[in-house]
Amino acid sequence: MPKRSAVTRAILAQNAGRDAERLLLKLELMRRDPFAFFRGANALHLGFLPRGHALFRAPNTLVCGDLHLENFGAFKGDNRLCYFDVNDFDDACIAPFTVDIVRFLAGIHGAFGLVSGGAAQRGHLVDAFLDAYSAAIADGKPRWLERSLAKGVFRTLLGGAMRRTRAALLDRFTRSADGTREIRIDGRRTVSLREGERRRLRKFADRTGRALDAPVFFRLKGAARRVAGNGSLGLPRYLLLVRGRGSPDGNFVLDLKFAAPSATAAWLGRAQPEWRDDAARVVAIQRIMQAIPPAMLRAAEFDKSSFVLKELQPSIDRLDFSEWRKKPKRVLQAVEGMGRVAAWAHLRGCGHFDTTSVEALQAYVRKDAWRRGSRRLAENVAERMLAAYRRYVRDYDAGVVTSAVEPP
């Protein structure tokens, strides 16, 4: 059997200790195309960035840490209105804002193919994002996208999320019979619990209900291991069905997700606030950077580890760019909107935990050097990620990737 490349060894090391069943799924997903590989390998991407680059002496703010085309989406906030915003903060931390910019621009190249032509389209999208981002920073007021203000693709996405009833969402993950619901185990989105997990999850739900003075609401009716995302596949994640406002259609479906350390913070190697744990980091930053956080967002402890609990956000409310590559006008509109949303999130992140002021960020963004540097570095790292993807595909097809994972 051939030896594993340095790329494969790095990816396996970065995913060590994950659940084998779901890790194998992640490794398969990363094989499918360069953008799926890019999404699942943030730590590898960061390793290709020169920490001493002038771009990373830019002003610090709160950052997503893994900003790309599919880490935005529509969701219901805790005020029950629907918003379009950045919606993944697993790698969030304090960092130069340019960390997010380079990651997003590199993702454009990954999503739209460095080798399939289309350089003009990629350049147009890069400029559209940077123009929208710069204009929103210059404006200085963090705004938001909700349905009454949204146009085009965002209005369509938010309208769909707003019209989705609780019963319809429940029907995606559960089945109803005789006035009660149970989670549907389909092997794709949900997997059966292991021995003892249901008992521990019931205790967790009871403890959460008591802490929030809502013991009846959080009474557990069912649970499953959840299969979702890309970068986080293989980490502990659960789907919880709780009583909510009563069966069958007043039940709530919750997402309980393990909070791993931030790959971005680790790459930076700089001091961060002394968070109680990684879930506290994720929740604190998400509450600041988003206009309105999703319902029930909170840090929690389960199995002596830190988890993030929130109301389930279905993946159908994200923009799936695999279906959009041949719709340039819609993609351009989406990328411009994401540029504004990213800028608003960074503006909200200014002034917290000793980050820069809005005025200092505006002064830096008015210059042109960071834009030129971001374009060049993003294309360079995208080329390196494409080369890494090709090596990974050769390894995967030779069987030396999955052979390193203990069978479930």
Protein backbone atom coordinates (compact mmCIF):
# COMPACT_ATOMS: atom_id res chain seq x y z
CA MET A 1 0.00 0.00 0.00
CA PRO A 2 1.36 3.50 -0.88
CA LYS A 3 2.56 5.80 1.86
CA ARG A 4 0.30 8.60 3.02
CA SER A 5 1.21 12.07 1.82
CA ALA A 6 2.01 14.88 4.25
CA VAL A 7 -1.42 16.36 3.44
CA THR A 8 -3.26 13.21 4.45
CA ARG A 9 -1.16 12.81 7.59
CA ALA A 10 -1.99 16.40 8.58
CA ILE A 11 -5.71 15.92 8.01
CA LEU A 12 -5.79 12.68 9.98
CA ALA A 13 -3.84 14.30 12.83
CA GLN A 14 -6.22 17.27 12.88
CA ASN A 15 -9.19 14.90 13.13
CA ALA A 16 -7.71 12.46 15.64
CA GLY A 17 -10.05 11.18 18.33
CA ARG A 18 -13.27 11.75 16.38
CA ASP A 19 -16.10 9.26 16.13
CA ALA A 20 -14.99 6.81 13.42
CA GLU A 21 -18.41 6.38 11.82
CA ARG A 22 -18.88 10.09 11.16
CA LEU A 23 -15.19 10.77 10.49
CA LEU A 24 -15.32 8.30 7.60
CA LEU A 25 -18.26 10.28 6.23
CA LYS A 26 -16.28 13.51 6.53
CA LEU A 27 -13.28 12.01 4.77
CA GLU A 28 -15.57 10.86 1.96
CA LEU A 29 -17.20 14.29 1.68
CA MET A 30 -13.78 15.93 1.44
CA ARG A 31 -12.98 13.66 -1.52
CA ARG A 32 -15.93 14.93 -3.59
CA ASP A 33 -14.68 18.32 -4.84
CA PRO A 34 -12.15 21.06 -3.99
CA PHE A 35 -14.69 23.21 -2.13
CA ALA A 36 -15.83 20.34 0.10
CA PHE A 37 -12.15 19.72 0.85
CA PHE A 38 -11.66 23.43 1.58
CA ARG A 39 -14.66 23.49 3.94
CA GLY A 40 -13.44 20.49 5.90
CA ALA A 41 -9.80 21.54 6.23
CA ASN A 42 -9.68 24.98 7.85
CA ALA A 43 -6.63 24.02 9.91
CA LEU A 44 -4.78 23.00 6.73
CA HIS A 45 -5.76 26.30 5.05
CA LEU A 46 -4.45 28.23 8.06
CA GLY A 47 -1.20 26.31 7.92
CA PHE A 48 -0.63 27.65 4.39
CA LEU A 49 -0.90 31.28 5.59
CA PRO A 50 2.30 33.13 6.55
CA ARG A 51 1.66 34.45 10.06
CA GLY A 52 4.26 37.17 9.57
CA HIS A 53 2.46 38.61 6.54
CA ALA A 54 1.63 42.33 6.80
CA LEU A 55 -2.08 41.46 6.38
CA PHE A 56 -2.08 39.83 9.79
CA ARG A 57 -0.92 43.01 11.46
CA ALA A 58 -4.31 44.46 10.61
CA PRO A 59 -6.68 45.64 13.39
CA ASN A 60 -8.07 42.93 15.64
CA THR A 61 -11.77 42.38 15.95
CA LEU A 62 -13.98 39.39 16.69
CA VAL A 63 -13.91 37.05 13.69
CA CYS A 64 -15.83 33.99 12.55
CA GLY A 65 -12.50 32.23 11.95
CA ASP A 66 -13.94 30.05 9.18
CA LEU A 67 -15.75 32.46 6.88
CA HIS A 68 -16.83 30.90 3.61
CA LEU A 69 -19.77 30.80 1.22
CA GLU A 70 -21.71 28.14 3.12
CA ASN A 71 -21.19 29.47 6.63
CA PHE A 72 -24.00 31.96 6.15
CA GLY A 73 -27.69 31.15 6.40
CA ALA A 74 -31.20 32.08 7.46
CA PHE A 75 -32.47 31.28 10.93
CA LYS A 76 -35.10 32.31 13.43
CA GLY A 77 -33.71 34.58 16.11
CA ASP A 78 -34.72 34.56 19.73
CA ASN A 79 -37.29 37.23 18.82
CA ARG A 80 -38.80 34.71 16.33
CA LEU A 81 -38.00 36.89 13.29
CA CYS A 82 -35.86 35.44 10.50
CA TYR A 83 -32.39 36.78 9.75
CA PHE A 84 -29.63 36.05 7.26
CA ASP A 85 -26.25 36.14 8.96
CA VAL A 86 -22.96 34.37 9.60
CA ASN A 87 -24.05 31.17 11.34
CA ASP A 88 -20.99 29.11 12.27
CA PHE A 89 -18.67 30.26 15.04
CA ASP A 90 -16.78 27.07 15.91
CA ASP A 91 -13.42 28.74 15.14
CA ALA A 92 -14.40 32.23 16.31
CA CYS A 93 -11.82 34.24 18.25
CA ILE A 94 -10.05 37.60 18.40
CA ALA A 95 -7.93 38.03 15.28
CA PRO A 96 -7.04 40.49 12.52
CA PHE A 97 -10.20 40.95 10.44
CA THR A 98 -8.17 39.95 7.38
CA VAL A 99 -8.17 36.32 8.57
CA ASP A 100 -11.86 36.15 7.65
CA ILE A 101 -11.36 38.07 4.41
CA VAL A 102 -8.62 35.79 3.07
CA ARG A 103 -10.56 32.65 4.04
CA PHE A 104 -13.68 33.88 2.24
CA LEU A 105 -11.84 34.93 -0.92
CA ALA A 106 -9.91 31.66 -1.05
CA GLY A 107 -13.26 29.89 -0.76
CA ILE A 108 -14.52 31.70 -3.86
CA HIS A 109 -11.60 30.25 -5.81
CA GLY A 110 -12.23 26.82 -4.28
CA ALA A 111 -15.95 26.89 -5.04
CA PHE A 112 -15.66 28.15 -8.59
CA GLY A 113 -12.65 26.18 -9.73
CA LEU A 114 -9.11 27.41 -10.30
CA VAL A 115 -8.66 24.80 -13.02
CA SER A 116 -12.00 25.06 -14.82
CA GLY A 117 -11.44 28.54 -16.24
CA GLY A 118 -13.73 31.28 -15.07
CA ALA A 119 -10.92 33.52 -13.80
CA ALA A 120 -12.95 36.57 -14.84
CA GLN A 121 -15.98 35.37 -12.86
CA ARG A 122 -13.87 34.68 -9.78
CA GLY A 123 -12.23 38.09 -10.04
CA HIS A 124 -15.64 39.73 -10.40
CA LEU A 125 -16.91 37.94 -7.28
CA VAL A 126 -13.79 38.82 -5.28
CA ASP A 127 -14.16 42.50 -6.19
CA ALA A 128 -17.89 42.45 -5.44
CA PHE A 129 -17.27 41.05 -1.95
CA LEU A 130 -14.47 43.53 -1.19
CA ASP A 131 -16.49 46.50 -2.50
CA ALA A 132 -19.56 45.58 -0.46
CA TYR A 133 -17.45 44.90 2.64
CA SER A 134 -15.54 48.18 2.35
CA ALA A 135 -18.71 50.24 1.80
CA ALA A 136 -20.40 48.71 4.85
CA ILE A 137 -17.33 49.36 7.04
CA ALA A 138 -17.18 52.97 5.78
CA ASP A 139 -20.84 53.41 6.69
CA GLY A 140 -19.94 52.31 10.22
CA LYS A 141 -23.40 51.16 11.27
CA PRO A 142 -23.90 47.41 11.75
CA ARG A 143 -27.18 46.65 10.03
CA TRP A 144 -28.87 43.30 9.36
CA LEU A 145 -30.75 41.33 6.74
CA GLU A 146 -34.29 40.35 7.65
CA ARG A 147 -37.20 39.72 5.34
CA SER A 148 -38.76 43.20 5.28
CA LEU A 149 -35.42 44.65 4.07
CA ALA A 150 -34.14 41.78 1.93
CA LYS A 151 -34.24 41.58 -1.85
CA GLY A 152 -33.77 38.87 -4.45
CA VAL A 153 -32.11 35.67 -3.28
CA PHE A 154 -32.14 36.75 0.36
CA ARG A 155 -35.84 37.57 0.30
CA THR A 156 -36.52 34.13 -1.19
CA LEU A 157 -34.40 32.36 1.43
CA LEU A 158 -35.82 34.33 4.36
CA GLY A 159 -39.35 33.96 3.07
CA GLY A 160 -38.94 30.19 2.97
CA ALA A 161 -37.57 30.14 6.51
CA MET A 162 -40.39 32.38 7.75
CA ARG A 163 -43.10 30.24 6.15
CA ARG A 164 -41.69 27.00 7.53
CA THR A 165 -44.03 25.93 10.31
CA ARG A 166 -42.93 24.14 13.45
CA ALA A 167 -44.83 21.05 12.29
CA ALA A 168 -42.98 21.05 8.95
CA LEU A 169 -39.60 21.31 10.68
CA LEU A 170 -40.55 18.56 13.11
CA ASP A 171 -41.66 16.35 10.22
CA ARG A 172 -38.16 16.54 8.70
CA PHE A 173 -36.63 14.83 11.71
CA THR A 174 -39.47 13.03 13.49
CA ARG A 175 -42.55 10.93 12.83
CA SER A 176 -45.89 11.51 14.51
CA ALA A 177 -48.38 8.85 15.61
CA ASP A 178 -51.19 8.83 18.16
CA GLY A 179 -50.46 12.40 19.25
CA THR A 180 -46.78 11.83 20.03
CA ARG A 181 -43.53 12.22 18.13
CA GLU A 182 -40.32 10.22 17.91
CA ILE A 183 -37.06 10.97 16.11
CA ARG A 184 -36.68 9.34 12.71
CA ILE A 185 -33.37 7.42 12.54
CA ASP A 186 -32.41 7.48 8.86
CA GLY A 187 -28.64 6.85 8.95
CA ARG A 188 -28.01 10.10 7.02
CA ARG A 189 -29.01 12.93 9.33
CA THR A 190 -29.56 10.90 12.46
CA VAL A 191 -27.85 7.85 13.95
CA SER A 192 -28.93 5.73 16.92
CA LEU A 193 -27.56 6.56 20.34
CA ARG A 194 -24.96 4.42 22.01
CA GLU A 195 -25.59 2.58 25.24
CA GLY A 196 -26.11 4.95 28.16
CA GLU A 197 -26.33 8.13 26.06
CA ARG A 198 -30.11 8.48 26.31
CA ARG A 199 -29.98 8.31 30.11
CA ARG A 200 -27.23 10.93 30.25
CA LEU A 201 -29.04 13.18 27.78
CA ARG A 202 -32.24 12.94 29.83
CA LYS A 203 -30.32 14.08 32.89
CA PHE A 204 -28.82 16.91 30.83
CA ALA A 205 -32.26 18.04 29.62
CA ASP A 206 -33.65 17.89 33.16
CA ARG A 207 -30.71 19.92 34.47
CA THR A 208 -31.15 22.50 31.69
CA GLY A 209 -34.87 22.77 32.38
CA ARG A 210 -34.27 23.39 36.07
CA ALA A 211 -31.58 26.00 35.34
CA LEU A 212 -33.93 27.89 33.02
CA ASP A 213 -36.97 27.42 35.26
CA ALA A 214 -38.69 25.48 32.46
CA PRO A 215 -38.57 21.80 33.53
CA VAL A 216 -41.66 20.80 31.56
CA PHE A 217 -40.49 22.50 28.34
CA PHE A 218 -37.14 20.64 28.37
CA ARG A 219 -38.57 17.22 29.20
CA LEU A 220 -36.76 14.86 26.81
CA LYS A 221 -38.95 12.84 24.46
CA GLY A 222 -36.25 11.46 22.17
CA ALA A 223 -32.64 11.85 21.11
CA ALA A 224 -30.21 10.73 18.41
CA ARG A 225 -26.66 11.36 17.31
CA ARG A 226 -26.75 14.01 14.61
CA VAL A 227 -24.88 13.92 11.29
CA ALA A 228 -24.46 17.48 10.01
CA GLY A 229 -21.92 19.99 8.78
CA ASN A 230 -18.56 19.23 7.25
CA GLY A 231 -15.68 20.51 9.36
CA SER A 232 -17.27 19.31 12.60
CA LEU A 233 -18.24 15.82 11.42
CA GLY A 234 -16.97 13.22 13.85
CA LEU A 235 -17.29 15.44 16.91
CA PRO A 236 -20.08 14.61 19.38
CA ARG A 237 -23.38 16.11 18.27
CA TYR A 238 -26.95 15.30 19.25
CA LEU A 239 -30.50 15.98 18.17
CA LEU A 240 -32.85 16.41 21.13
CA LEU A 241 -36.63 16.25 20.89
CA VAL A 242 -38.16 18.03 23.90
CA ARG A 243 -41.75 18.52 24.98
CA GLY A 244 -41.73 22.26 24.37
CA ARG A 245 -45.28 23.56 24.31
CA GLY A 246 -46.84 20.13 24.01
CA SER A 247 -47.09 17.19 21.62
CA PRO A 248 -47.26 16.70 18.75
CA ASP A 249 -46.65 20.07 17.05
CA GLY A 250 -45.54 22.15 20.01
CA ASN A 251 -42.44 19.98 20.49
CA PHE A 252 -39.02 21.56 19.85
CA VAL A 253 -35.95 20.03 18.18
CA LEU A 254 -32.64 21.17 19.66
CA ASP A 255 -29.05 20.86 18.47
CA LEU A 256 -26.39 19.98 21.05
CA LYS A 257 -22.91 20.33 19.55
CA PHE A 258 -19.48 19.71 21.06
CA ALA A 259 -17.33 22.85 21.15
CA ALA A 260 -13.77 22.12 20.03
CA PRO A 261 -10.86 24.55 20.44
CA SER A 262 -10.58 27.23 17.76
CA ALA A 263 -8.19 26.26 14.96
CA THR A 264 -7.83 29.94 14.11
CA ALA A 265 -6.83 30.94 17.64
CA ALA A 266 -4.33 28.06 17.75
CA TRP A 267 -2.78 29.17 14.44
CA LEU A 268 -2.47 32.78 15.60
CA GLY A 269 -0.73 31.76 18.79
CA ARG A 270 -1.78 34.99 20.47
CA ALA A 271 -3.38 35.53 23.87
CA GLN A 272 -7.16 35.21 23.95
CA PRO A 273 -9.60 36.05 26.75
CA GLU A 274 -9.76 33.45 29.50
CA TRP A 275 -13.00 31.84 28.40
CA ARG A 276 -14.52 29.39 30.86
CA ASP A 277 -14.46 26.82 28.04
CA ASP A 278 -14.84 26.64 24.28
CA ALA A 279 -18.64 26.67 24.37
CA ALA A 280 -18.50 29.92 26.35
CA ARG A 281 -16.16 31.33 23.68
CA VAL A 282 -18.47 30.33 20.81
CA VAL A 283 -21.63 31.64 22.47
CA ALA A 284 -20.09 34.91 23.68
CA ILE A 285 -18.70 35.78 20.25
CA GLN A 286 -21.81 34.63 18.39
CA ARG A 287 -24.05 36.79 20.58
CA ILE A 288 -21.93 39.83 19.75
CA MET A 289 -21.29 39.26 16.04
CA GLN A 290 -24.82 38.30 15.01
CA ALA A 291 -27.58 40.91 14.83
CA ILE A 292 -29.88 38.57 16.76
CA PRO A 293 -28.71 35.15 18.01
CA PRO A 294 -30.71 31.97 17.28
CA ALA A 295 -33.29 30.84 19.77
CA MET A 296 -32.09 29.08 22.93
CA LEU A 297 -28.39 29.67 22.23
CA ARG A 298 -26.37 28.88 25.35
CA ALA A 299 -23.18 27.20 26.54
CA ALA A 300 -23.76 23.90 28.31
CA GLU A 301 -21.87 21.03 29.91
CA PHE A 302 -22.53 17.43 28.92
CA ASP A 303 -20.39 14.39 29.65
CA LYS A 304 -17.87 16.70 31.38
CA SER A 305 -17.27 18.53 28.08
CA SER A 306 -18.41 21.88 26.69
CA PHE A 307 -21.30 21.97 24.23
CA VAL A 308 -23.34 24.62 22.46
CA LEU A 309 -27.12 24.23 22.72
CA LYS A 310 -29.55 26.00 20.39
CA GLU A 311 -32.77 25.46 18.51
CA LEU A 312 -32.15 23.36 15.41
CA GLN A 313 -31.28 25.35 12.29
CA PRO A 314 -32.06 23.24 9.19
CA SER A 315 -29.38 23.15 6.50
CA ILE A 316 -32.03 23.83 3.83
CA ASP A 317 -31.88 27.48 4.93
CA ARG A 318 -28.28 27.87 3.77
CA LEU A 319 -27.17 28.90 0.30
CA ASP A 320 -25.93 25.74 -1.40
CA PHE A 321 -23.43 26.90 -3.99
CA SER A 322 -23.12 23.48 -5.56
CA GLU A 323 -26.47 24.27 -7.19
CA TRP A 324 -25.57 27.84 -8.11
CA ARG A 325 -22.38 27.69 -10.08
CA LYS A 326 -24.28 28.25 -13.34
CA LYS A 327 -26.35 31.16 -12.00
CA PRO A 328 -23.82 34.02 -12.03
CA LYS A 329 -26.29 36.83 -11.31
CA ARG A 330 -27.64 35.10 -8.22
CA VAL A 331 -24.15 34.22 -7.03
CA LEU A 332 -23.00 37.83 -7.46
CA GLN A 333 -25.99 39.10 -5.50
CA ALA A 334 -25.32 36.57 -2.74
CA VAL A 335 -21.59 37.40 -2.51
CA GLU A 336 -22.32 41.14 -2.31
CA GLY A 337 -24.80 40.49 0.49
CA MET A 338 -22.26 38.34 2.32
CA GLY A 339 -19.72 41.14 2.06
CA ARG A 340 -22.11 43.47 3.85
CA VAL A 341 -23.10 40.86 6.45
CA ALA A 342 -19.43 40.06 7.21
CA ALA A 343 -18.66 43.77 7.63
CA TRP A 344 -21.61 44.26 10.00
CA ALA A 345 -20.43 41.30 12.07
CA HIS A 346 -16.90 42.74 12.28
CA LEU A 347 -18.27 46.16 13.25
CA ARG A 348 -20.22 44.56 16.09
CA GLY A 349 -17.02 42.83 17.16
CA CYS A 350 -15.09 46.10 17.57
CA GLY A 351 -14.42 47.31 21.09
CA HIS A 352 -15.02 43.99 22.84
CA PHE A 353 -12.25 42.25 24.82
CA ASP A 354 -9.73 44.97 23.90
CA THR A 355 -10.32 44.69 20.15
CA THR A 356 -9.89 47.71 17.89
CA SER A 357 -12.32 50.63 17.63
CA VAL A 358 -14.70 51.09 14.73
CA GLU A 359 -12.78 54.22 13.74
CA ALA A 360 -9.45 52.35 13.59
CA LEU A 361 -11.01 49.60 11.46
CA GLN A 362 -12.50 52.20 9.11
CA ALA A 363 -9.16 53.99 8.75
CA TYR A 364 -7.40 50.73 7.84
CA VAL A 365 -10.09 49.63 5.38
CA ARG A 366 -9.92 52.98 3.53
CA LYS A 367 -6.42 52.02 2.35
CA ASP A 368 -5.96 49.89 -0.76
CA ALA A 369 -2.98 47.78 0.31
CA TRP A 370 -5.01 45.25 2.33
CA ARG A 371 -7.34 44.63 -0.63
CA ARG A 372 -4.45 43.93 -3.01
CA GLY A 373 -2.73 41.76 -0.42
CA SER A 374 -5.91 39.82 0.34
CA ARG A 375 -6.52 39.08 -3.33
CA ARG A 376 -2.98 37.80 -3.90
CA LEU A 377 -2.76 35.76 -0.71
CA ALA A 378 -6.22 34.22 -1.18
CA GLU A 379 -5.38 33.06 -4.68
CA ASN A 380 -2.03 31.70 -3.53
CA VAL A 381 -3.51 29.71 -0.66
CA ALA A 382 -6.35 28.48 -2.90
CA GLU A 383 -3.77 27.11 -5.34
CA ARG A 384 -2.00 25.33 -2.48
CA MET A 385 -5.30 23.93 -1.24
CA LEU A 386 -6.11 22.67 -4.74
CA ALA A 387 -2.73 20.91 -4.92
CA ALA A 388 -3.39 19.44 -1.47
CA TYR A 389 -6.82 18.26 -2.62
CA ARG A 390 -5.27 16.43 -5.56
CA ARG A 391 -2.80 14.66 -3.29
CA TYR A 392 -5.64 13.79 -0.90
CA VAL A 393 -7.73 12.33 -3.75
CA ARG A 394 -4.82 10.13 -4.82
CA ASP A 395 -4.42 8.90 -1.26
CA TYR A 396 -8.14 8.37 -0.79
CA ASP A 397 -8.49 6.40 -4.02
CA ALA A 398 -5.47 4.30 -3.04
CA GLY A 399 -7.21 3.42 0.24
CA VAL A 400 -4.62 4.94 2.55
CA VAL A 401 -6.96 7.57 4.03
CA THR A 402 -9.79 5.43 5.35
CA SER A 403 -7.45 2.58 6.30
CA ALA A 404 -6.10 4.83 9.06
CA VAL A 405 -9.52 5.06 10.75
CA GLU A 406 -10.55 2.33 13.13
CA PRO A 407 -13.82 0.79 11.84
CA PRO A 408 -16.92 1.70 13.87
